[in-house]
Amino acid sequence: MPISSAKPPMQVLILMRHATRAGGLDTLAAEGHKQAERFPELLRAKLAKLARFAKQENLAALAPDSLAQGQDVTWQVSASPKIRTQQTLRFLNELLRTNFETARSEIFEKLDERTSSETQTEFENRVRSVLDTWHDEMRENKTSAEIRVACSHLDWLEAAAIYLSSDESDSERAAPWPPLETRIYFLQNGIWNRFRHSKI
């Protein structure tokens, strides 16, 4: 179902931290599993707000329910190699597999936290390279609305907040990333605009 023939399709980037971790283990705590189970509906509500905002502001088009079957939305979900990020996205991926034949889910090595073999500069360059690649790929997409979800770790996300080409203030970039913190951006005029949920 086409979302609009008059507006270009919206390009959405979602950066998120994994749910609550079980101590020093690479798995989720019981609370983390509950957070992961609730996450698809929380995301659905946030994206619905973004769709309403986009319509009000005459921005690029996004389906009112981007998780509903039959919508013209391309989904790509990426997790780091750590089990806790994959567990966080489990229920979202199950829903997407049910509703979207073309939804892609991947384990993406470049979303991993900094390794012991990397210098800080090498790590930051890795993060910046991922963001630049996604920006260029999504800017070229003129055919369908696209939503990319990237689930990673505190250090990766802190670096991403610095290097993402966005309209965020310094204080927004420096804000903490508690478990399951989810930040939504939409591409407009070559810049990632942070969607601030209080707008709707």
N, C-alpha and C. Protein backbone atom coordinates (compact mmCIF):
# COMPACT_ATOMS: atom_id res chain seq x y z
N MET A 1 0.84 -1.18 0.00
CA MET A 1 0.00 0.00 0.00
C MET A 1 0.89 1.25 0.00
N PRO A 2 0.89 2.04 -1.07
CA PRO A 2 1.72 3.24 -1.11
C PRO A 2 1.32 4.22 -0.02
N ILE A 3 2.29 4.83 0.61
CA ILE A 3 1.97 5.75 1.69
C ILE A 3 1.63 7.14 1.17
N SER A 4 2.19 7.53 0.05
CA SER A 4 1.87 8.82 -0.53
C SER A 4 2.55 8.92 -1.89
N SER A 5 1.84 9.47 -2.84
CA SER A 5 2.47 9.68 -4.14
C SER A 5 2.98 11.10 -4.27
N ALA A 6 2.57 11.98 -3.33
CA ALA A 6 2.95 13.39 -3.42
C ALA A 6 4.23 13.71 -2.67
N LYS A 7 4.58 12.90 -1.68
CA LYS A 7 5.75 13.19 -0.86
C LYS A 7 6.80 12.11 -1.05
N PRO A 8 8.07 12.47 -0.87
CA PRO A 8 9.11 11.43 -0.90
C PRO A 8 8.98 10.53 0.31
N PRO A 9 9.48 9.31 0.22
CA PRO A 9 9.40 8.41 1.37
C PRO A 9 10.37 8.83 2.47
N MET A 10 9.98 8.60 3.70
CA MET A 10 10.80 8.99 4.85
C MET A 10 11.89 7.96 5.11
N GLN A 11 13.06 8.44 5.48
CA GLN A 11 14.19 7.60 5.86
C GLN A 11 14.42 7.77 7.36
N VAL A 12 14.34 6.68 8.10
CA VAL A 12 14.38 6.73 9.56
C VAL A 12 15.54 5.88 10.07
N LEU A 13 16.31 6.45 10.98
CA LEU A 13 17.40 5.73 11.63
C LEU A 13 17.10 5.67 13.13
N ILE A 14 17.16 4.46 13.69
CA ILE A 14 16.89 4.27 15.11
C ILE A 14 18.13 3.68 15.76
N LEU A 15 18.70 4.43 16.69
CA LEU A 15 19.85 3.96 17.46
C LEU A 15 19.35 3.58 18.85
N MET A 16 19.74 2.41 19.31
CA MET A 16 19.25 1.97 20.61
C MET A 16 20.28 1.15 21.35
N ARG A 17 20.19 1.21 22.67
CA ARG A 17 21.02 0.37 23.52
C ARG A 17 20.25 -0.91 23.88
N HIS A 18 20.97 -1.97 24.11
CA HIS A 18 20.34 -3.22 24.50
C HIS A 18 19.58 -3.05 25.82
N ALA A 19 18.66 -3.98 26.08
CA ALA A 19 17.88 -3.97 27.32
C ALA A 19 18.76 -4.32 28.51
N THR A 20 18.17 -4.36 29.69
CA THR A 20 18.92 -4.54 30.94
C THR A 20 19.67 -5.87 30.96
N ARG A 21 20.94 -5.77 31.25
CA ARG A 21 21.85 -6.92 31.21
C ARG A 21 21.87 -7.65 32.55
N ALA A 22 22.13 -8.96 32.48
CA ALA A 22 22.24 -9.78 33.69
C ALA A 22 23.65 -9.70 34.25
N GLY A 23 23.87 -8.82 35.20
CA GLY A 23 25.18 -8.69 35.83
C GLY A 23 26.29 -8.52 34.81
N GLY A 24 27.35 -9.31 34.96
CA GLY A 24 28.47 -9.25 34.02
C GLY A 24 28.34 -10.22 32.87
N LEU A 25 27.17 -10.81 32.70
CA LEU A 25 26.97 -11.81 31.64
C LEU A 25 26.58 -11.14 30.33
N ASP A 26 26.78 -11.88 29.24
CA ASP A 26 26.38 -11.37 27.93
C ASP A 26 24.96 -11.83 27.60
N THR A 27 24.07 -11.72 28.55
CA THR A 27 22.66 -12.05 28.35
C THR A 27 21.82 -11.02 29.08
N LEU A 28 20.52 -11.04 28.80
CA LEU A 28 19.63 -10.11 29.46
C LEU A 28 19.17 -10.65 30.80
N ALA A 29 18.93 -9.73 31.73
CA ALA A 29 18.29 -10.08 32.99
C ALA A 29 16.82 -10.35 32.74
N ALA A 30 16.12 -10.85 33.75
CA ALA A 30 14.68 -11.10 33.60
C ALA A 30 13.96 -9.83 33.18
N GLU A 31 14.31 -8.70 33.79
CA GLU A 31 13.71 -7.42 33.41
C GLU A 31 14.04 -7.07 31.97
N GLY A 32 15.24 -7.38 31.54
CA GLY A 32 15.62 -7.12 30.16
C GLY A 32 14.78 -7.89 29.16
N HIS A 33 14.47 -9.15 29.48
CA HIS A 33 13.61 -9.94 28.59
C HIS A 33 12.21 -9.34 28.52
N LYS A 34 11.71 -8.83 29.65
CA LYS A 34 10.40 -8.18 29.64
C LYS A 34 10.44 -6.91 28.80
N GLN A 35 11.54 -6.16 28.92
CA GLN A 35 11.68 -4.94 28.11
C GLN A 35 11.69 -5.29 26.62
N ALA A 36 12.42 -6.34 26.27
CA ALA A 36 12.50 -6.75 24.86
C ALA A 36 11.13 -7.17 24.34
N GLU A 37 10.35 -7.84 25.16
CA GLU A 37 9.02 -8.29 24.74
C GLU A 37 8.09 -7.10 24.50
N ARG A 38 8.22 -6.06 25.32
CA ARG A 38 7.37 -4.87 25.18
C ARG A 38 7.85 -3.94 24.08
N PHE A 39 9.11 -4.09 23.66
CA PHE A 39 9.72 -3.11 22.77
C PHE A 39 8.96 -2.90 21.46
N PRO A 40 8.50 -3.94 20.75
CA PRO A 40 7.81 -3.68 19.47
C PRO A 40 6.63 -2.73 19.60
N GLU A 41 5.84 -2.87 20.65
CA GLU A 41 4.69 -1.99 20.81
C GLU A 41 5.11 -0.58 21.20
N LEU A 42 6.17 -0.46 21.99
CA LEU A 42 6.69 0.87 22.30
C LEU A 42 7.20 1.56 21.04
N LEU A 43 7.89 0.79 20.20
CA LEU A 43 8.41 1.35 18.96
C LEU A 43 7.26 1.72 18.03
N ARG A 44 6.24 0.87 17.97
CA ARG A 44 5.08 1.16 17.13
C ARG A 44 4.46 2.51 17.52
N ALA A 45 4.33 2.75 18.82
CA ALA A 45 3.74 4.00 19.29
C ALA A 45 4.60 5.20 18.92
N LYS A 46 5.92 5.06 19.06
CA LYS A 46 6.81 6.17 18.74
C LYS A 46 6.79 6.48 17.24
N LEU A 47 6.78 5.44 16.43
CA LEU A 47 6.76 5.66 14.98
C LEU A 47 5.42 6.24 14.53
N ALA A 48 4.33 5.88 15.20
CA ALA A 48 3.03 6.47 14.89
C ALA A 48 3.06 7.97 15.17
N LYS A 49 3.70 8.36 16.27
CA LYS A 49 3.84 9.79 16.57
C LYS A 49 4.67 10.49 15.51
N LEU A 50 5.75 9.82 15.07
CA LEU A 50 6.57 10.41 14.02
C LEU A 50 5.76 10.57 12.74
N ALA A 51 4.95 9.58 12.39
CA ALA A 51 4.13 9.66 11.17
C ALA A 51 3.15 10.83 11.25
N ARG A 52 2.53 11.02 12.42
CA ARG A 52 1.60 12.14 12.59
C ARG A 52 2.33 13.48 12.49
N PHE A 53 3.50 13.54 13.11
CA PHE A 53 4.30 14.76 13.05
C PHE A 53 4.70 15.07 11.61
N ALA A 54 5.14 14.05 10.88
CA ALA A 54 5.55 14.24 9.49
C ALA A 54 4.39 14.74 8.64
N LYS A 55 3.21 14.21 8.88
CA LYS A 55 2.03 14.66 8.13
C LYS A 55 1.68 16.10 8.45
N GLN A 56 1.71 16.45 9.73
CA GLN A 56 1.39 17.82 10.15
C GLN A 56 2.36 18.84 9.57
N GLU A 57 3.64 18.45 9.54
CA GLU A 57 4.68 19.37 9.09
C GLU A 57 4.96 19.26 7.60
N ASN A 58 4.18 18.43 6.90
CA ASN A 58 4.34 18.23 5.46
C ASN A 58 5.75 17.75 5.10
N LEU A 59 6.24 16.80 5.89
CA LEU A 59 7.56 16.22 5.66
C LEU A 59 7.42 14.98 4.79
N ALA A 60 8.51 14.26 4.61
CA ALA A 60 8.47 13.02 3.87
C ALA A 60 7.46 12.07 4.51
N ALA A 61 6.91 11.18 3.70
CA ALA A 61 5.78 10.35 4.13
C ALA A 61 6.23 9.09 4.86
N LEU A 62 5.47 8.72 5.89
CA LEU A 62 5.68 7.49 6.63
C LEU A 62 4.33 6.90 6.96
N ALA A 63 4.21 5.57 6.85
CA ALA A 63 2.95 4.90 7.14
C ALA A 63 2.50 5.18 8.57
N PRO A 64 1.20 5.32 8.80
CA PRO A 64 0.69 5.55 10.16
C PRO A 64 1.07 4.43 11.13
N ASP A 65 1.15 3.20 10.61
CA ASP A 65 1.60 2.07 11.43
C ASP A 65 2.68 1.34 10.64
N SER A 66 3.92 1.70 10.92
CA SER A 66 5.04 1.16 10.13
C SER A 66 5.31 -0.31 10.39
N LEU A 67 4.71 -0.88 11.43
CA LEU A 67 4.91 -2.29 11.74
C LEU A 67 3.77 -3.17 11.24
N ALA A 68 2.76 -2.55 10.62
CA ALA A 68 1.61 -3.32 10.16
C ALA A 68 1.90 -4.02 8.83
N GLN A 69 1.33 -5.19 8.69
CA GLN A 69 1.49 -5.98 7.47
C GLN A 69 0.96 -5.19 6.28
N GLY A 70 1.67 -5.27 5.16
CA GLY A 70 1.21 -4.65 3.93
C GLY A 70 1.64 -3.22 3.72
N GLN A 71 2.36 -2.64 4.66
CA GLN A 71 2.82 -1.26 4.50
C GLN A 71 4.05 -1.22 3.59
N ASP A 72 4.19 -0.12 2.89
CA ASP A 72 5.31 0.06 1.97
C ASP A 72 6.50 0.62 2.75
N VAL A 73 7.12 -0.25 3.56
CA VAL A 73 8.25 0.15 4.39
C VAL A 73 9.33 -0.92 4.27
N THR A 74 10.56 -0.49 4.08
CA THR A 74 11.70 -1.39 4.07
C THR A 74 12.36 -1.35 5.44
N TRP A 75 12.47 -2.52 6.07
CA TRP A 75 13.06 -2.62 7.40
C TRP A 75 14.42 -3.31 7.33
N GLN A 76 15.39 -2.75 8.05
CA GLN A 76 16.67 -3.41 8.26
C GLN A 76 17.04 -3.30 9.72
N VAL A 77 17.23 -4.43 10.38
CA VAL A 77 17.52 -4.47 11.81
C VAL A 77 18.90 -5.09 12.01
N SER A 78 19.76 -4.37 12.70
CA SER A 78 21.13 -4.82 12.91
C SER A 78 21.44 -4.88 14.41
N ALA A 79 22.08 -5.97 14.81
CA ALA A 79 22.52 -6.15 16.19
C ALA A 79 24.02 -6.37 16.20
N SER A 80 24.65 -6.00 17.30
CA SER A 80 26.07 -6.31 17.46
C SER A 80 26.22 -7.82 17.65
N PRO A 81 27.44 -8.33 17.63
CA PRO A 81 27.63 -9.78 17.84
C PRO A 81 27.30 -10.26 19.25
N LYS A 82 27.07 -9.36 20.18
CA LYS A 82 26.80 -9.76 21.55
C LYS A 82 25.37 -10.32 21.69
N ILE A 83 25.24 -11.35 22.50
CA ILE A 83 23.95 -12.03 22.66
C ILE A 83 22.89 -11.07 23.19
N ARG A 84 23.27 -10.18 24.09
CA ARG A 84 22.28 -9.30 24.71
C ARG A 84 21.61 -8.36 23.70
N THR A 85 22.32 -7.94 22.67
CA THR A 85 21.67 -7.10 21.66
C THR A 85 20.72 -7.93 20.81
N GLN A 86 21.11 -9.15 20.50
CA GLN A 86 20.24 -10.02 19.70
C GLN A 86 18.99 -10.41 20.47
N GLN A 87 19.13 -10.64 21.76
CA GLN A 87 17.96 -10.94 22.60
C GLN A 87 17.03 -9.72 22.68
N THR A 88 17.60 -8.54 22.71
CA THR A 88 16.80 -7.32 22.77
C THR A 88 15.90 -7.18 21.55
N LEU A 89 16.39 -7.60 20.40
CA LEU A 89 15.65 -7.43 19.15
C LEU A 89 14.81 -8.64 18.77
N ARG A 90 14.82 -9.66 19.60
CA ARG A 90 14.16 -10.92 19.25
C ARG A 90 12.69 -10.74 18.86
N PHE A 91 11.93 -10.05 19.69
CA PHE A 91 10.49 -9.95 19.46
C PHE A 91 10.19 -9.01 18.29
N LEU A 92 11.00 -7.96 18.13
CA LEU A 92 10.84 -7.10 16.96
C LEU A 92 11.10 -7.90 15.69
N ASN A 93 12.16 -8.68 15.67
CA ASN A 93 12.47 -9.47 14.47
C ASN A 93 11.38 -10.49 14.17
N GLU A 94 10.81 -11.10 15.20
CA GLU A 94 9.73 -12.06 14.97
C GLU A 94 8.53 -11.38 14.32
N LEU A 95 8.19 -10.20 14.80
CA LEU A 95 7.06 -9.46 14.22
C LEU A 95 7.35 -9.07 12.78
N LEU A 96 8.56 -8.60 12.52
CA LEU A 96 8.91 -8.19 11.17
C LEU A 96 8.91 -9.37 10.21
N ARG A 97 9.41 -10.52 10.65
CA ARG A 97 9.39 -11.70 9.78
C ARG A 97 7.97 -12.11 9.42
N THR A 98 7.04 -11.88 10.34
CA THR A 98 5.64 -12.22 10.08
C THR A 98 5.00 -11.24 9.10
N ASN A 99 5.33 -9.97 9.21
CA ASN A 99 4.62 -8.93 8.46
C ASN A 99 5.32 -8.43 7.20
N PHE A 100 6.63 -8.68 7.07
CA PHE A 100 7.37 -8.12 5.94
C PHE A 100 8.30 -9.17 5.34
N GLU A 101 8.03 -9.56 4.12
CA GLU A 101 8.86 -10.56 3.46
C GLU A 101 10.28 -10.04 3.22
N THR A 102 10.40 -8.74 3.04
CA THR A 102 11.70 -8.17 2.68
C THR A 102 12.50 -7.65 3.88
N ALA A 103 11.95 -7.76 5.09
CA ALA A 103 12.68 -7.27 6.26
C ALA A 103 13.99 -8.03 6.41
N ARG A 104 15.06 -7.29 6.69
CA ARG A 104 16.37 -7.91 6.86
C ARG A 104 16.85 -7.77 8.29
N SER A 105 17.38 -8.85 8.81
CA SER A 105 17.95 -8.85 10.15
C SER A 105 19.36 -9.40 10.06
N GLU A 106 20.30 -8.72 10.71
CA GLU A 106 21.70 -9.15 10.59
C GLU A 106 22.45 -8.92 11.89
N ILE A 107 23.48 -9.74 12.06
CA ILE A 107 24.48 -9.50 13.10
C ILE A 107 25.60 -8.72 12.43
N PHE A 108 25.85 -7.53 12.92
CA PHE A 108 26.76 -6.60 12.25
C PHE A 108 27.97 -6.35 13.15
N GLU A 109 29.10 -6.89 12.75
CA GLU A 109 30.32 -6.81 13.57
C GLU A 109 30.69 -5.37 13.93
N LYS A 110 30.44 -4.45 13.03
CA LYS A 110 30.86 -3.07 13.26
C LYS A 110 30.04 -2.34 14.32
N LEU A 111 28.97 -3.00 14.82
CA LEU A 111 28.21 -2.42 15.92
C LEU A 111 28.73 -2.85 17.28
N ASP A 112 29.76 -3.67 17.29
CA ASP A 112 30.29 -4.19 18.55
C ASP A 112 30.93 -3.06 19.37
N GLU A 113 30.98 -3.28 20.66
CA GLU A 113 31.68 -2.33 21.52
C GLU A 113 33.18 -2.36 21.19
N ARG A 114 33.91 -1.41 21.73
CA ARG A 114 35.33 -1.34 21.43
C ARG A 114 36.04 -2.61 21.90
N THR A 115 36.88 -3.15 21.03
CA THR A 115 37.62 -4.37 21.37
C THR A 115 38.97 -4.01 21.99
N SER A 116 39.57 -4.98 22.63
CA SER A 116 40.86 -4.75 23.30
C SER A 116 41.98 -4.47 22.30
N SER A 117 41.78 -4.85 21.05
CA SER A 117 42.82 -4.65 20.04
C SER A 117 42.71 -3.30 19.34
N GLU A 118 41.66 -2.52 19.63
CA GLU A 118 41.45 -1.23 18.97
C GLU A 118 41.92 -0.07 19.83
N THR A 119 42.54 0.90 19.20
CA THR A 119 42.77 2.17 19.88
C THR A 119 41.45 2.94 19.89
N GLN A 120 41.39 3.98 20.71
CA GLN A 120 40.18 4.80 20.74
C GLN A 120 39.92 5.43 19.38
N THR A 121 40.98 5.85 18.71
CA THR A 121 40.82 6.47 17.39
C THR A 121 40.30 5.46 16.38
N GLU A 122 40.83 4.25 16.41
CA GLU A 122 40.35 3.21 15.49
C GLU A 122 38.87 2.91 15.74
N PHE A 123 38.51 2.83 17.00
CA PHE A 123 37.12 2.58 17.35
C PHE A 123 36.21 3.70 16.85
N GLU A 124 36.58 4.93 17.10
CA GLU A 124 35.76 6.06 16.66
C GLU A 124 35.66 6.11 15.14
N ASN A 125 36.73 5.78 14.46
CA ASN A 125 36.69 5.74 12.99
C ASN A 125 35.73 4.65 12.50
N ARG A 126 35.68 3.54 13.21
CA ARG A 126 34.75 2.47 12.84
C ARG A 126 33.30 2.95 12.96
N VAL A 127 33.00 3.60 14.08
CA VAL A 127 31.64 4.12 14.29
C VAL A 127 31.29 5.14 13.22
N ARG A 128 32.22 6.06 12.96
CA ARG A 128 31.96 7.11 11.98
C ARG A 128 31.76 6.54 10.59
N SER A 129 32.52 5.51 10.24
CA SER A 129 32.38 4.88 8.93
C SER A 129 30.99 4.27 8.75
N VAL A 130 30.49 3.60 9.79
CA VAL A 130 29.14 3.01 9.72
C VAL A 130 28.10 4.10 9.50
N LEU A 131 28.17 5.15 10.29
CA LEU A 131 27.18 6.23 10.18
C LEU A 131 27.23 6.90 8.81
N ASP A 132 28.42 7.13 8.31
CA ASP A 132 28.56 7.76 6.99
C ASP A 132 27.99 6.88 5.89
N THR A 133 28.25 5.58 5.98
CA THR A 133 27.73 4.65 4.97
C THR A 133 26.21 4.62 4.98
N TRP A 134 25.63 4.51 6.18
CA TRP A 134 24.17 4.50 6.28
C TRP A 134 23.57 5.79 5.75
N HIS A 135 24.18 6.91 6.10
CA HIS A 135 23.68 8.20 5.64
C HIS A 135 23.65 8.25 4.12
N ASP A 136 24.74 7.85 3.49
CA ASP A 136 24.82 7.90 2.03
C ASP A 136 23.83 6.94 1.38
N GLU A 137 23.72 5.73 1.92
CA GLU A 137 22.79 4.75 1.35
C GLU A 137 21.34 5.20 1.47
N MET A 138 20.98 5.71 2.60
CA MET A 138 19.59 6.09 2.82
C MET A 138 19.23 7.38 2.09
N ARG A 139 20.18 8.26 1.94
CA ARG A 139 19.92 9.49 1.19
C ARG A 139 19.61 9.19 -0.27
N GLU A 140 20.20 8.10 -0.79
CA GLU A 140 19.97 7.73 -2.19
C GLU A 140 18.66 6.98 -2.40
N ASN A 141 18.04 6.52 -1.33
CA ASN A 141 16.80 5.74 -1.46
C ASN A 141 15.63 6.68 -1.72
N LYS A 142 15.08 6.64 -2.94
CA LYS A 142 13.96 7.50 -3.30
C LYS A 142 12.69 6.69 -3.54
N THR A 143 12.76 5.37 -3.34
CA THR A 143 11.66 4.51 -3.79
C THR A 143 10.72 4.07 -2.67
N SER A 144 11.21 3.91 -1.45
CA SER A 144 10.33 3.45 -0.38
C SER A 144 10.79 4.01 0.96
N ALA A 145 9.84 4.11 1.89
CA ALA A 145 10.22 4.48 3.25
C ALA A 145 11.14 3.40 3.79
N GLU A 146 12.14 3.81 4.52
CA GLU A 146 13.11 2.86 5.06
C GLU A 146 13.34 3.14 6.54
N ILE A 147 13.35 2.08 7.32
CA ILE A 147 13.63 2.19 8.75
C ILE A 147 14.78 1.25 9.08
N ARG A 148 15.86 1.81 9.59
CA ARG A 148 17.00 1.02 10.03
C ARG A 148 17.11 1.11 11.55
N VAL A 149 17.22 -0.05 12.16
CA VAL A 149 17.37 -0.14 13.61
C VAL A 149 18.75 -0.71 13.90
N ALA A 150 19.49 -0.04 14.77
CA ALA A 150 20.83 -0.50 15.16
C ALA A 150 20.89 -0.62 16.67
N CYS A 151 21.06 -1.85 17.16
CA CYS A 151 21.14 -2.10 18.60
C CYS A 151 22.60 -2.35 18.98
N SER A 152 23.12 -1.51 19.87
CA SER A 152 24.53 -1.59 20.19
C SER A 152 24.75 -1.36 21.69
N HIS A 153 25.94 -0.82 22.01
CA HIS A 153 26.42 -0.73 23.38
C HIS A 153 26.74 0.71 23.75
N LEU A 154 26.93 0.94 25.04
CA LEU A 154 27.10 2.29 25.55
C LEU A 154 28.22 3.04 24.84
N ASP A 155 29.41 2.44 24.73
CA ASP A 155 30.52 3.18 24.14
C ASP A 155 30.28 3.48 22.66
N TRP A 156 29.69 2.53 21.94
CA TRP A 156 29.40 2.74 20.51
C TRP A 156 28.39 3.87 20.34
N LEU A 157 27.36 3.86 21.16
CA LEU A 157 26.31 4.87 21.04
C LEU A 157 26.78 6.25 21.48
N GLU A 158 27.64 6.29 22.49
CA GLU A 158 28.20 7.59 22.89
C GLU A 158 29.02 8.19 21.75
N ALA A 159 29.79 7.35 21.07
CA ALA A 159 30.55 7.84 19.92
C ALA A 159 29.63 8.23 18.78
N ALA A 160 28.60 7.43 18.54
CA ALA A 160 27.65 7.73 17.47
C ALA A 160 26.96 9.07 17.70
N ALA A 161 26.62 9.36 18.95
CA ALA A 161 25.96 10.63 19.25
C ALA A 161 26.85 11.81 18.89
N ILE A 162 28.16 11.63 19.00
CA ILE A 162 29.10 12.70 18.65
C ILE A 162 29.22 12.86 17.14
N TYR A 163 29.31 11.74 16.42
CA TYR A 163 29.64 11.79 15.00
C TYR A 163 28.45 11.78 14.06
N LEU A 164 27.25 11.49 14.55
CA LEU A 164 26.08 11.51 13.68
C LEU A 164 25.82 12.94 13.22
N SER A 165 25.62 13.10 11.93
CA SER A 165 25.33 14.41 11.35
C SER A 165 23.88 14.76 11.64
N SER A 166 23.65 15.35 12.83
CA SER A 166 22.28 15.59 13.27
C SER A 166 22.09 17.02 13.76
N ASP A 167 20.84 17.32 14.08
CA ASP A 167 20.50 18.66 14.58
C ASP A 167 20.53 18.72 16.10
N GLU A 168 21.09 17.71 16.77
CA GLU A 168 21.07 17.67 18.22
C GLU A 168 21.99 18.74 18.82
N SER A 169 21.58 19.23 19.97
CA SER A 169 22.44 20.15 20.74
C SER A 169 23.51 19.34 21.44
N ASP A 170 24.51 20.04 21.98
CA ASP A 170 25.58 19.36 22.72
C ASP A 170 25.03 18.61 23.92
N SER A 171 24.05 19.20 24.60
CA SER A 171 23.49 18.53 25.77
C SER A 171 22.72 17.28 25.37
N GLU A 172 22.04 17.30 24.23
CA GLU A 172 21.33 16.11 23.76
C GLU A 172 22.31 15.00 23.38
N ARG A 173 23.38 15.39 22.73
CA ARG A 173 24.39 14.39 22.34
C ARG A 173 25.03 13.74 23.57
N ALA A 174 25.17 14.51 24.65
CA ALA A 174 25.84 14.02 25.85
C ALA A 174 24.89 13.32 26.82
N ALA A 175 23.61 13.26 26.49
CA ALA A 175 22.63 12.64 27.39
C ALA A 175 22.95 11.16 27.56
N PRO A 176 22.62 10.59 28.73
CA PRO A 176 22.96 9.18 28.99
C PRO A 176 22.16 8.21 28.11
N TRP A 177 22.70 7.00 28.00
CA TRP A 177 22.07 5.91 27.26
C TRP A 177 21.73 4.78 28.24
N PRO A 178 20.65 4.89 28.99
CA PRO A 178 20.29 3.78 29.88
C PRO A 178 19.83 2.57 29.05
N PRO A 179 19.66 1.42 29.67
CA PRO A 179 19.19 0.25 28.92
C PRO A 179 17.90 0.54 28.16
N LEU A 180 17.88 0.13 26.91
CA LEU A 180 16.76 0.27 25.97
C LEU A 180 16.50 1.71 25.55
N GLU A 181 17.41 2.63 25.84
CA GLU A 181 17.29 3.99 25.32
C GLU A 181 17.21 3.91 23.80
N THR A 182 16.22 4.58 23.23
CA THR A 182 15.96 4.51 21.79
C THR A 182 15.83 5.93 21.25
N ARG A 183 16.66 6.27 20.29
CA ARG A 183 16.63 7.61 19.69
C ARG A 183 16.29 7.46 18.21
N ILE A 184 15.31 8.24 17.77
CA ILE A 184 14.79 8.14 16.41
C ILE A 184 15.16 9.40 15.65
N TYR A 185 15.67 9.20 14.45
CA TYR A 185 16.06 10.30 13.57
C TYR A 185 15.41 10.12 12.19
N PHE A 186 15.09 11.23 11.56
CA PHE A 186 14.61 11.17 10.17
C PHE A 186 15.47 12.10 9.32
N LEU A 187 15.71 11.68 8.10
CA LEU A 187 16.61 12.41 7.21
C LEU A 187 15.85 13.53 6.51
N GLN A 188 16.40 14.74 6.62
CA GLN A 188 15.79 15.89 5.96
C GLN A 188 16.90 16.85 5.55
N ASN A 189 16.93 17.17 4.27
CA ASN A 189 17.94 18.08 3.73
C ASN A 189 19.36 17.64 4.07
N GLY A 190 19.58 16.33 4.03
CA GLY A 190 20.92 15.79 4.25
C GLY A 190 21.36 15.70 5.70
N ILE A 191 20.47 16.04 6.63
CA ILE A 191 20.80 16.03 8.06
C ILE A 191 19.82 15.12 8.79
N TRP A 192 20.33 14.39 9.79
CA TRP A 192 19.45 13.59 10.63
C TRP A 192 18.79 14.50 11.67
N ASN A 193 17.47 14.57 11.62
CA ASN A 193 16.71 15.34 12.58
C ASN A 193 16.24 14.42 13.70
N ARG A 194 16.57 14.74 14.93
CA ARG A 194 16.12 13.94 16.06
C ARG A 194 14.63 14.15 16.26
N PHE A 195 13.90 13.04 16.36
CA PHE A 195 12.47 13.16 16.67
C PHE A 195 12.31 13.18 18.18
N ARG A 196 11.81 14.28 18.66
CA ARG A 196 11.59 14.48 20.08
C ARG A 196 10.13 14.21 20.37
N HIS A 197 9.84 13.15 21.07
CA HIS A 197 8.48 12.63 21.17
C HIS A 197 7.49 13.62 21.76
N SER A 198 7.98 14.60 22.49
CA SER A 198 7.09 15.58 23.09
C SER A 198 6.45 16.49 22.05
N LYS A 199 6.93 16.42 20.80
CA LYS A 199 6.36 17.27 19.76
C LYS A 199 4.92 16.90 19.43
N ILE A 200 4.52 15.69 19.72
CA ILE A 200 3.18 15.22 19.38
C ILE A 200 2.44 14.79 20.65
